[in-house]
């Protein structure tokens, strides 16, 4: 027998508290109308923060175990120079952000980005002591090991310090492709 309200269009399951509730208890996002995100995924209690299930591990507010994320979409919050922003990601991308050390889990439907662009750039360049990952010369740009065009994210594990010349030569090649091409040009 099917659980109460599961087959009915008038009832929806909240992605945070996992309870079946009447559809009118889910607020619609007016500012993102006519998109797939316009339908609410969280009931009013969870959306307002009343029903948030915080995950505490050793009294820390964040967790880094990506298996704790639930649902099809995850809310991502981050900070800018002036205030906060938020958007939604697929579960696959959210897990990738957590595993690569760019975000932490607040509760099963929300992750926080740990770095803004400026902080991440400084962390990578100063962490590598301004030395290019590819040629060993002075580097002042960041490069994605797995290019963004091939599914790479801007995370501490996927970015390295690079000089401008190596960054432009690598373009959107993977690390293996770049090293293979770089070997062939050095031989001739």
N, C-alpha and C. Protein backbone atom coordinates (compact mmCIF):
# COMPACT_ATOMS: atom_id res chain seq x y z
N UNK A 1 0.84 -1.18 0.00
CA UNK A 1 0.00 0.00 0.00
C UNK A 1 0.89 1.25 0.00
N UNK A 2 0.50 2.23 -0.79
CA UNK A 2 1.27 3.46 -0.93
C UNK A 2 1.03 4.38 0.27
N UNK A 3 2.08 5.05 0.77
CA UNK A 3 1.91 5.97 1.90
C UNK A 3 0.95 7.11 1.57
N UNK A 4 0.38 7.68 2.61
CA UNK A 4 -0.59 8.74 2.50
C UNK A 4 -0.05 9.92 1.69
N UNK A 5 -0.77 10.29 0.64
CA UNK A 5 -0.46 11.49 -0.12
C UNK A 5 0.65 11.35 -1.13
N UNK A 6 1.23 10.15 -1.31
CA UNK A 6 2.36 10.03 -2.21
C UNK A 6 1.96 10.09 -3.68
N UNK A 7 0.82 9.54 -4.04
CA UNK A 7 0.40 9.52 -5.44
C UNK A 7 -0.43 10.74 -5.81
N UNK A 8 -0.88 11.49 -4.86
CA UNK A 8 -1.75 12.64 -5.10
C UNK A 8 -0.92 13.87 -5.45
N UNK A 9 -1.36 14.65 -6.45
CA UNK A 9 -0.67 15.87 -6.86
C UNK A 9 -0.83 17.00 -5.85
N UNK A 10 -1.80 16.87 -4.92
CA UNK A 10 -2.03 17.91 -3.93
C UNK A 10 -1.04 17.84 -2.78
N UNK A 11 -0.28 16.76 -2.69
CA UNK A 11 0.68 16.59 -1.61
C UNK A 11 2.08 16.46 -2.18
N UNK A 12 3.03 17.03 -1.48
CA UNK A 12 4.43 17.00 -1.90
C UNK A 12 5.29 16.66 -0.70
N UNK A 13 6.43 16.05 -0.95
CA UNK A 13 7.36 15.73 0.12
C UNK A 13 8.38 16.85 0.25
N UNK A 14 8.54 17.38 1.44
CA UNK A 14 9.53 18.42 1.72
C UNK A 14 10.92 17.80 1.65
N UNK A 15 11.84 18.47 0.97
CA UNK A 15 13.19 17.94 0.79
C UNK A 15 14.03 18.01 2.07
N UNK A 16 13.58 18.80 3.05
CA UNK A 16 14.36 18.94 4.28
C UNK A 16 13.83 18.05 5.40
N UNK A 17 12.55 18.18 5.71
CA UNK A 17 12.00 17.39 6.82
C UNK A 17 11.45 16.04 6.35
N UNK A 18 11.37 15.84 5.02
CA UNK A 18 10.94 14.59 4.40
C UNK A 18 9.52 14.17 4.80
N UNK A 19 8.63 15.16 5.05
CA UNK A 19 7.24 14.88 5.39
C UNK A 19 6.35 15.22 4.20
N UNK A 20 5.28 14.43 4.01
CA UNK A 20 4.29 14.74 2.98
C UNK A 20 3.37 15.83 3.51
N UNK A 21 3.28 16.94 2.75
CA UNK A 21 2.46 18.06 3.18
C UNK A 21 1.64 18.56 2.00
N UNK A 22 0.59 19.30 2.33
CA UNK A 22 -0.28 19.87 1.32
C UNK A 22 0.51 20.85 0.45
N UNK A 23 0.24 20.87 -0.85
CA UNK A 23 1.02 21.64 -1.81
C UNK A 23 1.05 23.14 -1.52
N UNK A 24 -0.01 23.68 -0.93
CA UNK A 24 -0.03 25.11 -0.64
C UNK A 24 0.89 25.50 0.52
N UNK A 25 1.44 24.51 1.22
CA UNK A 25 2.39 24.78 2.29
C UNK A 25 3.81 24.99 1.75
N UNK A 26 3.99 24.91 0.43
CA UNK A 26 5.28 25.11 -0.19
C UNK A 26 5.29 26.45 -0.91
N UNK A 27 6.10 27.43 -0.43
CA UNK A 27 6.11 28.75 -1.07
C UNK A 27 6.75 28.67 -2.45
N UNK A 28 6.24 29.50 -3.36
CA UNK A 28 6.84 29.59 -4.69
C UNK A 28 7.84 30.73 -4.69
N UNK A 29 8.89 30.59 -5.47
CA UNK A 29 9.92 31.61 -5.57
C UNK A 29 9.55 32.56 -6.70
N UNK A 30 9.01 33.70 -6.37
CA UNK A 30 8.52 34.65 -7.35
C UNK A 30 9.66 35.25 -8.16
N UNK A 31 10.83 35.48 -7.52
CA UNK A 31 11.92 36.14 -8.21
C UNK A 31 12.55 35.27 -9.30
N UNK A 32 12.31 33.96 -9.29
CA UNK A 32 12.86 33.08 -10.32
C UNK A 32 11.74 32.37 -11.06
N UNK A 33 10.71 33.10 -11.39
CA UNK A 33 9.55 32.57 -12.08
C UNK A 33 9.93 32.04 -13.46
N UNK A 34 9.16 31.11 -13.98
CA UNK A 34 9.35 30.49 -15.29
C UNK A 34 10.67 29.73 -15.41
N UNK A 35 11.15 29.20 -14.32
CA UNK A 35 12.31 28.32 -14.36
C UNK A 35 11.95 27.04 -13.64
N UNK A 36 12.83 26.07 -13.71
CA UNK A 36 12.51 24.82 -13.02
C UNK A 36 12.61 24.95 -11.51
N UNK A 37 13.22 26.06 -11.02
CA UNK A 37 13.34 26.27 -9.59
C UNK A 37 12.14 27.01 -9.00
N UNK A 38 11.19 27.42 -9.86
CA UNK A 38 10.08 28.24 -9.38
C UNK A 38 9.21 27.48 -8.36
N UNK A 39 9.09 26.18 -8.51
CA UNK A 39 8.30 25.41 -7.56
C UNK A 39 9.10 25.22 -6.27
N UNK A 40 8.45 25.42 -5.14
CA UNK A 40 9.14 25.30 -3.87
C UNK A 40 9.49 23.86 -3.54
N UNK A 41 10.66 23.63 -2.99
CA UNK A 41 11.08 22.30 -2.58
C UNK A 41 10.95 22.11 -1.08
N UNK A 42 10.89 23.22 -0.33
CA UNK A 42 10.83 23.15 1.11
C UNK A 42 9.51 23.73 1.60
N UNK A 43 8.94 23.11 2.64
CA UNK A 43 7.70 23.62 3.21
C UNK A 43 7.98 24.96 3.91
N UNK A 44 6.92 25.67 4.27
CA UNK A 44 7.10 26.99 4.87
C UNK A 44 7.91 26.93 6.17
N UNK A 45 7.71 25.89 6.97
CA UNK A 45 8.46 25.77 8.23
C UNK A 45 9.96 25.65 7.97
N UNK A 46 10.34 24.77 7.03
CA UNK A 46 11.76 24.57 6.73
C UNK A 46 12.32 25.75 5.96
N UNK A 47 11.53 26.36 5.09
CA UNK A 47 11.99 27.50 4.29
C UNK A 47 12.31 28.70 5.17
N UNK A 48 11.53 28.89 6.23
CA UNK A 48 11.77 30.00 7.14
C UNK A 48 12.87 29.69 8.15
N UNK A 49 13.35 28.48 8.16
CA UNK A 49 14.42 28.12 9.08
C UNK A 49 13.92 27.49 10.37
N UNK A 50 12.58 27.36 10.53
CA UNK A 50 12.05 26.80 11.76
C UNK A 50 12.31 25.31 11.85
N UNK A 51 12.32 24.62 10.70
CA UNK A 51 12.47 23.17 10.73
C UNK A 51 13.84 22.69 10.31
N UNK A 52 14.85 23.56 10.33
CA UNK A 52 16.18 23.15 9.88
C UNK A 52 16.74 22.08 10.80
N UNK A 53 17.27 21.04 10.18
CA UNK A 53 17.88 19.96 10.93
C UNK A 53 19.38 20.17 10.85
N UNK A 54 19.98 20.69 11.88
CA UNK A 54 21.40 20.97 11.88
C UNK A 54 22.17 19.70 12.18
N UNK A 55 23.24 19.49 11.47
CA UNK A 55 24.10 18.34 11.70
C UNK A 55 25.28 18.80 12.52
N UNK A 56 25.42 18.28 13.72
CA UNK A 56 26.54 18.67 14.57
C UNK A 56 27.47 17.48 14.74
N UNK A 57 28.74 17.71 14.52
CA UNK A 57 29.74 16.69 14.69
C UNK A 57 30.83 17.27 15.58
N UNK A 58 30.98 16.74 16.78
CA UNK A 58 31.95 17.23 17.75
C UNK A 58 31.75 18.72 18.04
N UNK A 59 30.51 19.15 18.13
CA UNK A 59 30.11 20.52 18.44
C UNK A 59 30.53 21.55 17.38
N UNK A 60 30.84 21.13 16.16
CA UNK A 60 31.11 22.06 15.07
C UNK A 60 29.83 22.22 14.25
N UNK A 61 29.54 23.42 13.74
CA UNK A 61 28.30 23.61 13.00
C UNK A 61 28.34 23.02 11.59
N UNK A 62 29.52 22.68 11.07
CA UNK A 62 29.61 22.18 9.71
C UNK A 62 30.09 20.74 9.68
N UNK A 63 29.77 20.07 8.59
CA UNK A 63 30.19 18.69 8.40
C UNK A 63 30.69 18.56 6.97
N UNK A 64 31.56 17.61 6.71
CA UNK A 64 32.14 17.44 5.38
C UNK A 64 31.89 16.05 4.81
N UNK A 65 30.91 15.33 5.34
CA UNK A 65 30.56 14.00 4.84
C UNK A 65 29.48 14.16 3.78
N UNK A 66 29.84 14.02 2.50
CA UNK A 66 28.91 14.30 1.41
C UNK A 66 27.76 13.29 1.33
N UNK A 67 27.84 12.18 2.03
CA UNK A 67 26.75 11.21 2.01
C UNK A 67 25.53 11.70 2.80
N UNK A 68 25.70 12.77 3.59
CA UNK A 68 24.59 13.30 4.39
C UNK A 68 23.64 14.17 3.56
N UNK A 69 24.04 14.57 2.36
CA UNK A 69 23.18 15.42 1.53
C UNK A 69 22.00 14.62 1.00
N UNK A 70 20.81 15.23 1.05
CA UNK A 70 19.58 14.56 0.63
C UNK A 70 18.84 15.40 -0.40
N UNK A 71 18.04 14.74 -1.23
CA UNK A 71 17.22 15.44 -2.21
C UNK A 71 17.88 15.48 -3.58
N UNK A 72 17.18 16.08 -4.54
CA UNK A 72 17.71 16.21 -5.89
C UNK A 72 18.48 17.50 -6.07
N UNK A 73 18.08 18.53 -5.35
CA UNK A 73 18.76 19.82 -5.43
C UNK A 73 19.16 20.28 -4.04
N UNK A 74 20.25 21.00 -3.99
CA UNK A 74 20.80 21.48 -2.72
C UNK A 74 20.95 22.99 -2.81
N UNK A 75 20.57 23.69 -1.74
CA UNK A 75 20.73 25.13 -1.69
C UNK A 75 22.18 25.44 -1.31
N UNK A 76 22.79 26.38 -2.04
CA UNK A 76 24.17 26.79 -1.80
C UNK A 76 24.15 28.25 -1.37
N UNK A 77 24.81 28.55 -0.26
CA UNK A 77 24.93 29.93 0.20
C UNK A 77 26.39 30.32 0.24
N UNK A 78 26.63 31.58 -0.07
CA UNK A 78 27.99 32.11 -0.03
C UNK A 78 27.95 33.57 0.31
N UNK A 79 29.13 34.16 0.50
CA UNK A 79 29.15 35.57 0.84
C UNK A 79 29.91 36.36 -0.21
N UNK A 80 29.43 37.58 -0.40
CA UNK A 80 30.06 38.53 -1.29
C UNK A 80 30.62 39.66 -0.46
N UNK A 81 31.13 40.68 -1.15
CA UNK A 81 31.60 41.86 -0.44
C UNK A 81 30.46 42.49 0.35
N UNK A 82 29.29 42.56 -0.28
CA UNK A 82 28.12 43.16 0.37
C UNK A 82 27.02 42.10 0.48
N UNK A 83 26.98 41.40 1.57
CA UNK A 83 25.87 40.49 1.83
C UNK A 83 26.10 39.07 1.36
N UNK A 84 24.99 38.34 1.31
CA UNK A 84 24.98 36.92 0.99
C UNK A 84 24.26 36.68 -0.32
N UNK A 85 24.56 35.54 -0.96
CA UNK A 85 23.83 35.10 -2.15
C UNK A 85 23.50 33.63 -1.98
N UNK A 86 22.55 33.16 -2.76
CA UNK A 86 22.21 31.74 -2.73
C UNK A 86 21.71 31.30 -4.08
N UNK A 87 21.91 30.03 -4.37
CA UNK A 87 21.41 29.42 -5.61
C UNK A 87 21.26 27.92 -5.36
N UNK A 88 20.76 27.19 -6.33
CA UNK A 88 20.53 25.76 -6.18
C UNK A 88 21.44 24.99 -7.13
N UNK A 89 21.94 23.85 -6.66
CA UNK A 89 22.78 22.96 -7.45
C UNK A 89 22.21 21.55 -7.42
N UNK A 90 22.61 20.75 -8.40
CA UNK A 90 22.24 19.34 -8.36
C UNK A 90 23.02 18.66 -7.24
N UNK A 91 22.53 17.54 -6.80
CA UNK A 91 23.18 16.82 -5.70
C UNK A 91 24.60 16.40 -6.09
N UNK A 92 24.80 16.06 -7.35
CA UNK A 92 26.12 15.62 -7.82
C UNK A 92 27.15 16.74 -7.69
N UNK A 93 26.80 17.94 -8.14
CA UNK A 93 27.72 19.09 -8.06
C UNK A 93 27.95 19.50 -6.61
N UNK A 94 26.90 19.44 -5.80
CA UNK A 94 27.04 19.81 -4.38
C UNK A 94 27.99 18.85 -3.67
N UNK A 95 27.86 17.55 -3.93
CA UNK A 95 28.76 16.57 -3.33
C UNK A 95 30.19 16.81 -3.78
N UNK A 96 30.36 17.18 -5.06
CA UNK A 96 31.69 17.46 -5.58
C UNK A 96 32.32 18.66 -4.87
N UNK A 97 31.52 19.71 -4.63
CA UNK A 97 32.02 20.89 -3.91
C UNK A 97 32.48 20.52 -2.50
N UNK A 98 31.70 19.69 -1.81
CA UNK A 98 32.03 19.29 -0.44
C UNK A 98 33.28 18.40 -0.43
N UNK A 99 33.36 17.44 -1.35
CA UNK A 99 34.49 16.53 -1.39
C UNK A 99 35.80 17.23 -1.75
N UNK A 100 35.72 18.30 -2.55
CA UNK A 100 36.93 19.00 -2.97
C UNK A 100 37.30 20.14 -2.01
N UNK A 101 36.58 20.28 -0.91
CA UNK A 101 36.96 21.22 0.12
C UNK A 101 36.55 22.66 -0.11
N UNK A 102 35.58 22.91 -0.97
CA UNK A 102 35.15 24.29 -1.23
C UNK A 102 33.89 24.65 -0.46
N UNK A 103 33.19 23.66 0.10
CA UNK A 103 31.93 23.92 0.80
C UNK A 103 31.80 22.98 1.99
N UNK A 104 30.91 23.34 2.91
CA UNK A 104 30.64 22.50 4.07
C UNK A 104 29.13 22.38 4.24
N UNK A 105 28.71 21.29 4.86
CA UNK A 105 27.28 20.99 5.00
C UNK A 105 26.77 21.61 6.30
N UNK A 106 25.67 22.36 6.18
CA UNK A 106 25.01 22.92 7.35
C UNK A 106 23.90 21.97 7.79
N UNK A 107 23.08 21.54 6.85
CA UNK A 107 22.07 20.49 7.07
C UNK A 107 21.86 19.79 5.74
N UNK A 108 21.08 18.69 5.67
CA UNK A 108 21.01 17.89 4.45
C UNK A 108 20.56 18.62 3.19
N UNK A 109 19.99 19.80 3.29
CA UNK A 109 19.56 20.53 2.10
C UNK A 109 20.30 21.83 1.88
N UNK A 110 21.38 22.11 2.64
CA UNK A 110 22.07 23.39 2.54
C UNK A 110 23.56 23.22 2.74
N UNK A 111 24.35 23.83 1.83
CA UNK A 111 25.79 23.88 2.02
C UNK A 111 26.25 25.33 1.95
N UNK A 112 27.34 25.64 2.63
CA UNK A 112 27.93 26.97 2.62
C UNK A 112 29.27 26.91 1.89
N UNK A 113 29.50 27.87 1.01
CA UNK A 113 30.80 27.98 0.37
C UNK A 113 31.79 28.55 1.38
N UNK A 114 32.98 27.99 1.42
CA UNK A 114 33.96 28.41 2.41
C UNK A 114 34.79 29.60 1.96
N UNK A 115 34.90 29.81 0.65
CA UNK A 115 35.74 30.89 0.13
C UNK A 115 34.96 31.70 -0.89
N UNK A 116 35.22 33.01 -0.93
CA UNK A 116 34.74 33.78 -2.07
C UNK A 116 35.88 33.78 -3.10
N UNK A 117 35.65 34.37 -4.27
CA UNK A 117 36.64 34.30 -5.36
C UNK A 117 37.99 34.90 -4.97
N UNK A 118 37.94 36.04 -4.30
CA UNK A 118 39.17 36.73 -3.94
C UNK A 118 39.99 35.92 -2.93
N UNK A 119 39.33 35.36 -1.93
CA UNK A 119 40.02 34.56 -0.92
C UNK A 119 40.61 33.29 -1.52
N UNK A 120 39.86 32.64 -2.40
CA UNK A 120 40.34 31.40 -3.03
C UNK A 120 41.56 31.68 -3.91
N UNK A 121 41.51 32.76 -4.67
CA UNK A 121 42.64 33.12 -5.53
C UNK A 121 43.89 33.37 -4.68
N UNK A 122 43.74 34.13 -3.60
CA UNK A 122 44.88 34.42 -2.73
C UNK A 122 45.40 33.14 -2.08
N UNK A 123 44.51 32.26 -1.63
CA UNK A 123 44.89 31.00 -1.01
C UNK A 123 45.73 30.15 -1.96
N UNK A 124 45.31 30.05 -3.21
CA UNK A 124 46.01 29.20 -4.17
C UNK A 124 47.36 29.80 -4.55
N UNK A 125 47.39 31.09 -4.88
CA UNK A 125 48.63 31.71 -5.33
C UNK A 125 49.66 31.79 -4.21
N UNK A 126 49.25 32.23 -3.03
CA UNK A 126 50.19 32.32 -1.91
C UNK A 126 50.56 30.94 -1.37
N UNK A 127 49.65 29.99 -1.45
CA UNK A 127 49.94 28.63 -1.01
C UNK A 127 51.01 27.96 -1.86
N UNK A 128 51.07 28.33 -3.14
CA UNK A 128 52.08 27.80 -4.05
C UNK A 128 53.29 28.73 -4.15
N UNK A 129 53.36 29.76 -3.30
CA UNK A 129 54.49 30.70 -3.22
C UNK A 129 54.77 31.39 -4.57
N UNK A 130 53.72 31.70 -5.31
CA UNK A 130 53.82 32.40 -6.60
C UNK A 130 54.69 31.64 -7.60
N UNK A 131 54.70 30.31 -7.53
CA UNK A 131 55.48 29.48 -8.45
C UNK A 131 54.52 28.72 -9.36
N UNK A 132 54.78 28.80 -10.67
CA UNK A 132 53.92 28.13 -11.65
C UNK A 132 53.99 26.62 -11.47
N UNK A 133 52.85 25.97 -11.46
CA UNK A 133 52.75 24.53 -11.29
C UNK A 133 53.38 23.79 -12.48
N UNK A 134 53.33 24.37 -13.67
CA UNK A 134 53.76 23.70 -14.89
C UNK A 134 55.23 23.91 -15.23
N UNK A 135 55.74 25.15 -15.12
CA UNK A 135 57.12 25.44 -15.56
C UNK A 135 58.05 25.84 -14.42
N UNK A 136 57.55 26.17 -13.25
CA UNK A 136 58.38 26.53 -12.12
C UNK A 136 58.79 27.99 -12.08
N UNK A 137 58.34 28.79 -13.02
CA UNK A 137 58.64 30.22 -13.05
C UNK A 137 57.65 30.97 -12.16
N UNK A 138 57.74 32.32 -12.15
CA UNK A 138 56.83 33.16 -11.38
C UNK A 138 55.41 33.03 -11.96
N UNK A 139 54.44 32.79 -11.09
CA UNK A 139 53.05 32.66 -11.52
C UNK A 139 52.14 33.56 -10.72
N UNK A 140 51.19 34.21 -11.40
CA UNK A 140 50.26 35.09 -10.70
C UNK A 140 48.81 34.89 -11.15
N UNK A 141 48.52 33.79 -11.84
CA UNK A 141 47.14 33.47 -12.22
C UNK A 141 46.81 32.09 -11.67
N UNK A 142 45.52 31.77 -11.66
CA UNK A 142 45.13 30.41 -11.26
C UNK A 142 44.63 29.67 -12.48
N UNK A 143 44.85 28.36 -12.49
CA UNK A 143 44.44 27.52 -13.60
C UNK A 143 43.71 26.30 -13.05
N UNK A 144 42.71 25.84 -13.77
CA UNK A 144 41.95 24.66 -13.37
C UNK A 144 42.63 23.42 -13.94
N UNK A 145 42.96 22.45 -13.10
CA UNK A 145 43.57 21.21 -13.57
C UNK A 145 42.59 20.48 -14.48
N UNK A 146 41.37 20.29 -14.01
CA UNK A 146 40.29 19.81 -14.87
C UNK A 146 39.52 21.05 -15.30
N UNK A 147 39.54 21.39 -16.60
CA UNK A 147 38.93 22.65 -17.05
C UNK A 147 37.44 22.73 -16.71
N UNK A 148 36.97 23.94 -16.53
CA UNK A 148 35.55 24.15 -16.24
C UNK A 148 34.69 23.63 -17.37
N UNK A 149 35.19 23.70 -18.61
CA UNK A 149 34.42 23.21 -19.77
C UNK A 149 34.26 21.70 -19.75
N UNK A 150 35.09 21.00 -18.96
CA UNK A 150 35.01 19.54 -18.87
C UNK A 150 34.52 19.08 -17.50
N UNK A 151 33.85 19.97 -16.77
CA UNK A 151 33.22 19.60 -15.50
C UNK A 151 34.00 19.93 -14.26
N UNK A 152 35.13 20.60 -14.38
CA UNK A 152 35.91 20.97 -13.20
C UNK A 152 35.29 22.15 -12.47
N UNK A 153 35.51 22.21 -11.18
CA UNK A 153 34.99 23.30 -10.37
C UNK A 153 36.12 24.17 -9.86
N UNK A 154 35.79 25.37 -9.44
CA UNK A 154 36.78 26.26 -8.86
C UNK A 154 36.89 25.94 -7.38
N UNK A 155 37.75 24.98 -7.07
CA UNK A 155 37.95 24.52 -5.70
C UNK A 155 39.44 24.46 -5.40
N UNK A 156 39.82 24.41 -4.14
CA UNK A 156 41.25 24.35 -3.81
C UNK A 156 41.96 23.12 -4.39
N UNK A 157 41.27 22.01 -4.52
CA UNK A 157 41.91 20.80 -5.06
C UNK A 157 42.03 20.82 -6.58
N UNK A 158 41.24 21.64 -7.26
CA UNK A 158 41.24 21.65 -8.72
C UNK A 158 41.98 22.85 -9.30
N UNK A 159 42.44 23.77 -8.49
CA UNK A 159 43.11 24.96 -9.00
C UNK A 159 44.56 25.00 -8.55
N UNK A 160 45.42 25.49 -9.44
CA UNK A 160 46.84 25.64 -9.13
C UNK A 160 47.31 27.00 -9.62
N UNK A 161 48.44 27.45 -9.10
CA UNK A 161 49.07 28.69 -9.54
C UNK A 161 49.74 28.43 -10.89
N UNK A 162 49.62 29.37 -11.82
CA UNK A 162 50.24 29.23 -13.14
C UNK A 162 50.70 30.58 -13.63
N UNK A 163 51.73 30.57 -14.48
CA UNK A 163 52.13 31.81 -15.12
C UNK A 163 51.16 32.07 -16.27
N UNK A 164 51.14 33.28 -16.78
CA UNK A 164 50.20 33.64 -17.82
C UNK A 164 50.42 32.82 -19.09
N UNK A 165 51.69 32.58 -19.45
CA UNK A 165 51.99 31.83 -20.67
C UNK A 165 51.49 30.39 -20.58
N UNK A 166 51.77 29.69 -19.48
CA UNK A 166 51.31 28.31 -19.31
C UNK A 166 49.79 28.24 -19.24
N UNK A 167 49.18 29.22 -18.58
CA UNK A 167 47.72 29.26 -18.47
C UNK A 167 47.09 29.38 -19.85
N UNK A 168 47.66 30.22 -20.71
CA UNK A 168 47.13 30.39 -22.06
C UNK A 168 47.42 29.18 -22.94
N UNK A 169 48.60 28.56 -22.76
CA UNK A 169 48.94 27.37 -23.54
C UNK A 169 48.03 26.20 -23.18
N UNK A 170 47.74 26.05 -21.89
CA UNK A 170 46.90 24.93 -21.45
C UNK A 170 45.47 25.08 -21.94
N UNK A 171 44.95 26.32 -21.93
CA UNK A 171 43.61 26.62 -22.42
C UNK A 171 42.58 25.70 -21.78
N UNK A 172 41.90 24.84 -22.55
CA UNK A 172 40.90 23.94 -21.96
C UNK A 172 41.32 22.47 -22.09
N UNK A 173 42.63 22.22 -22.08
CA UNK A 173 43.14 20.85 -22.12
C UNK A 173 43.18 20.27 -20.71
N UNK A 174 43.06 18.96 -20.61
CA UNK A 174 43.27 18.33 -19.32
C UNK A 174 44.76 18.31 -19.02
N UNK A 175 45.12 17.97 -17.81
CA UNK A 175 46.52 17.96 -17.42
C UNK A 175 47.32 16.98 -18.27
N UNK A 176 46.78 15.78 -18.49
CA UNK A 176 47.48 14.77 -19.29
C UNK A 176 47.69 15.26 -20.73
N UNK A 177 46.65 15.84 -21.33
CA UNK A 177 46.77 16.35 -22.70
C UNK A 177 47.80 17.46 -22.78
N UNK A 178 47.80 18.35 -21.81
CA UNK A 178 48.75 19.47 -21.81
C UNK A 178 50.18 18.98 -21.67
N UNK A 179 50.41 18.06 -20.74
CA UNK A 179 51.77 17.54 -20.54
C UNK A 179 52.26 16.78 -21.77
N UNK A 180 51.38 16.04 -22.42
CA UNK A 180 51.75 15.31 -23.65
C UNK A 180 52.12 16.29 -24.76
N UNK A 181 51.33 17.32 -24.94
CA UNK A 181 51.60 18.32 -25.96
C UNK A 181 52.86 19.11 -25.62
N UNK A 182 53.05 19.40 -24.34
CA UNK A 182 54.22 20.17 -23.89
C UNK A 182 55.51 19.38 -24.12
N UNK A 183 55.47 18.04 -23.91
CA UNK A 183 56.64 17.20 -24.17
C UNK A 183 57.02 17.24 -25.64
N UNK A 184 56.00 17.16 -26.52
CA UNK A 184 56.25 17.12 -27.97
C UNK A 184 56.85 18.43 -28.44
N UNK A 185 56.43 19.58 -27.89
CA UNK A 185 56.99 20.86 -28.32
C UNK A 185 58.40 21.06 -27.80
N UNK A 186 58.74 20.49 -26.64
CA UNK A 186 60.09 20.61 -26.09
C UNK A 186 61.10 19.75 -26.86
N UNK A 187 60.63 18.63 -27.44
CA UNK A 187 61.51 17.73 -28.17
C UNK A 187 61.95 18.33 -29.50
N UNK A 188 61.03 19.03 -30.19
CA UNK A 188 61.36 19.56 -31.52
C UNK A 188 62.08 20.87 -31.49
